[in-house]
Amino acid sequence: MLASSKDLIDAFGTSDQKLVCQEILEKGEMQVSEQERVALHETVFRDIASIVAEKTVNPNNNLPYTITMIQNAMRQIQFSVNLSKSSKSQ
């Protein structure tokens, strides 16, 4: 489906298709489906828990905490994942 020249001029200020495509690529946002967003959220959540588990030990028995224990604790405190930041920076 193609837009008419009038629609392109109204939306982008030009009817030149190359300029319109360039503006879309530079300023546009990629739409992500709900399934992809959930999968990305779970991956980042798991990555954060993995990083924390690598760096912590239980002081009572000097054994490392498991990733599952860290994930459960993160859910319990309602840790929110910021998808715009890397796992390591969170």
Protein backbone atom coordinates (compact mmCIF):
# COMPACT_ATOMS: atom_id res chain seq x y z
CA MET A 1 0.00 0.00 0.00
CA LEU A 2 1.51 3.29 -1.06
CA ALA A 3 0.79 6.71 0.33
CA SER A 4 -0.25 9.49 -1.99
CA SER A 5 2.05 12.45 -2.59
CA LYS A 6 -0.32 14.63 -0.56
CA ASP A 7 -0.10 12.25 2.41
CA LEU A 8 3.70 12.21 2.21
CA ILE A 9 3.86 16.01 2.09
CA ASP A 10 1.46 16.27 5.05
CA ALA A 11 3.43 13.78 7.15
CA PHE A 12 7.03 14.46 6.10
CA GLY A 13 7.02 17.82 4.34
CA THR A 14 8.22 16.26 1.07
CA SER A 15 7.07 13.77 -1.51
CA ASP A 16 10.59 12.50 -2.28
CA GLN A 17 10.50 8.82 -1.35
CA LYS A 18 14.25 8.62 -0.65
CA LEU A 19 14.04 11.48 1.86
CA VAL A 20 10.96 9.94 3.46
CA CYS A 21 12.71 6.56 3.81
CA GLN A 22 15.82 8.22 5.24
CA GLU A 23 13.76 10.11 7.84
CA ILE A 24 11.90 6.94 8.83
CA LEU A 25 15.19 5.06 9.27
CA GLU A 26 16.78 7.88 11.28
CA LYS A 27 13.85 8.90 13.48
CA GLY A 28 11.48 5.93 13.42
CA GLU A 29 11.02 3.41 16.20
CA MET A 30 10.92 -0.31 15.68
CA GLN A 31 7.68 -1.92 16.78
CA VAL A 32 8.13 -5.01 18.91
CA SER A 33 5.41 -7.60 19.47
CA GLU A 34 4.23 -8.49 22.97
CA GLN A 35 5.87 -11.93 22.76
CA GLU A 36 9.23 -10.41 21.79
CA ARG A 37 8.97 -7.84 24.59
CA VAL A 38 8.17 -10.55 27.18
CA ALA A 39 11.03 -12.74 25.92
CA LEU A 40 13.46 -9.81 26.08
CA HIS A 41 12.24 -8.91 29.58
CA GLU A 42 12.76 -12.47 30.83
CA THR A 43 16.20 -12.67 29.22
CA VAL A 44 17.36 -9.41 30.81
CA PHE A 45 15.84 -10.46 34.17
CA ARG A 46 17.70 -13.79 34.00
CA ASP A 47 20.94 -12.06 32.96
CA ILE A 48 20.73 -9.68 35.93
CA ALA A 49 20.09 -12.58 38.31
CA SER A 50 23.04 -14.46 36.82
CA ILE A 51 25.36 -11.48 37.31
CA VAL A 52 24.23 -11.08 40.93
CA ALA A 53 24.60 -14.83 41.58
CA GLU A 54 28.18 -14.79 40.26
CA LYS A 55 29.15 -12.03 42.68
CA THR A 56 27.45 -13.14 45.90
CA VAL A 57 27.84 -15.90 48.47
CA ASN A 58 25.74 -16.96 51.41
CA PRO A 59 27.58 -15.72 54.53
CA ASN A 60 26.23 -18.61 56.63
CA ASN A 61 27.79 -21.42 54.60
CA ASN A 62 30.03 -19.63 52.05
CA LEU A 63 28.20 -21.27 49.16
CA PRO A 64 27.07 -19.22 46.17
CA TYR A 65 23.43 -18.25 45.85
CA THR A 66 21.64 -19.98 42.98
CA ILE A 67 20.18 -18.01 40.10
CA THR A 68 16.72 -19.27 41.06
CA MET A 69 17.12 -17.91 44.59
CA ILE A 70 18.21 -14.54 43.21
CA GLN A 71 15.29 -14.47 40.74
CA ASN A 72 12.80 -15.29 43.52
CA ALA A 73 14.25 -12.54 45.71
CA MET A 74 14.07 -10.08 42.80
CA ARG A 75 10.41 -10.98 42.22
CA GLN A 76 9.68 -10.68 45.93
CA ILE A 77 11.05 -7.13 46.10
CA GLN A 78 9.30 -6.38 42.77
CA PHE A 79 12.51 -5.47 40.96
CA SER A 80 11.66 -3.77 37.69
CA VAL A 81 13.81 -4.33 34.64
CA ASN A 82 14.70 -1.33 32.50
CA LEU A 83 14.96 -2.61 28.93
CA SER A 84 16.78 0.51 27.77
CA LYS A 85 19.74 -0.25 30.07
CA SER A 86 22.15 -3.15 29.85
CA SER A 87 21.91 -6.04 32.28
CA LYS A 88 25.28 -5.22 33.78
CA SER A 89 24.42 -1.58 34.52
CA GLN A 90 21.31 -2.54 36.47
